[in-house]
Amino acid sequence: MSYAGPLNIESFTVDNAAIAVAASIWRPLARSQDRLAETGLAFLRSLGRGNQP
């Protein structure tokens, strides 16, 4: 992978009905928002090291 630009995580929640419907979120994506951020960050870091997810 040769991409060197910024990466980000876009997180949604089922706790906001309007956003959940708009984003087609029908179940929790993780045990907590913190856990979602932790696993997402680990995934992005693994990409930066050239590892496969």
Protein backbone atom coordinates (compact mmCIF):
# COMPACT_ATOMS: atom_id res chain seq x y z
CA MET A 1 0.00 0.00 0.00
CA SER A 2 1.42 3.37 -0.92
CA TYR A 3 -1.29 5.70 0.40
CA ALA A 4 0.22 8.31 2.77
CA GLY A 5 -2.77 10.58 3.42
CA PRO A 6 -5.02 10.92 6.44
CA LEU A 7 -7.33 8.16 7.68
CA ASN A 8 -10.41 8.55 9.85
CA ILE A 9 -13.17 6.57 11.53
CA GLU A 10 -16.78 7.58 11.04
CA SER A 11 -18.83 6.19 13.89
CA PHE A 12 -22.61 5.89 14.14
CA THR A 13 -24.88 4.78 16.95
CA VAL A 14 -28.28 3.12 17.24
CA ASP A 15 -28.96 5.52 20.14
CA ASN A 16 -29.93 8.28 17.66
CA ALA A 17 -32.90 6.91 15.72
CA ALA A 18 -32.70 9.43 12.86
CA ILE A 19 -29.02 8.72 12.21
CA ALA A 20 -29.47 4.97 12.65
CA VAL A 21 -32.22 4.88 10.02
CA ALA A 22 -30.31 7.13 7.61
CA ALA A 23 -27.16 5.00 7.93
CA SER A 24 -29.09 1.69 7.98
CA ILE A 25 -27.70 0.77 11.40
CA TRP A 26 -29.96 -1.95 12.82
CA ARG A 27 -27.72 -3.42 15.52
CA PRO A 28 -24.91 -2.21 17.80
CA LEU A 29 -21.57 -2.16 15.97
CA ALA A 30 -19.57 -2.85 19.16
CA ARG A 31 -20.10 -3.30 22.92
CA SER A 32 -19.46 0.43 23.40
CA GLN A 33 -18.43 3.51 21.45
CA ASP A 34 -15.01 3.30 23.14
CA ARG A 35 -14.58 -0.30 21.98
CA LEU A 36 -15.55 0.69 18.44
CA ALA A 37 -12.90 3.42 18.48
CA GLU A 38 -10.24 1.07 19.92
CA THR A 39 -10.78 -1.69 17.37
CA GLY A 40 -11.10 0.83 14.53
CA LEU A 41 -7.83 2.47 15.48
CA ALA A 42 -6.08 -0.90 15.72
CA PHE A 43 -7.38 -1.74 12.24
CA LEU A 44 -6.17 1.56 10.76
CA ARG A 45 -2.76 1.12 12.40
CA SER A 46 -2.47 -2.38 10.94
CA LEU A 47 -3.08 -0.91 7.48
CA GLY A 48 -0.34 1.64 8.07
CA ARG A 49 2.09 -1.21 8.78
CA GLY A 50 1.10 -2.96 5.56
CA ASN A 51 -0.70 -5.80 7.37
CA GLN A 52 -3.82 -7.35 5.94
CA PRO A 53 -6.96 -6.88 8.09
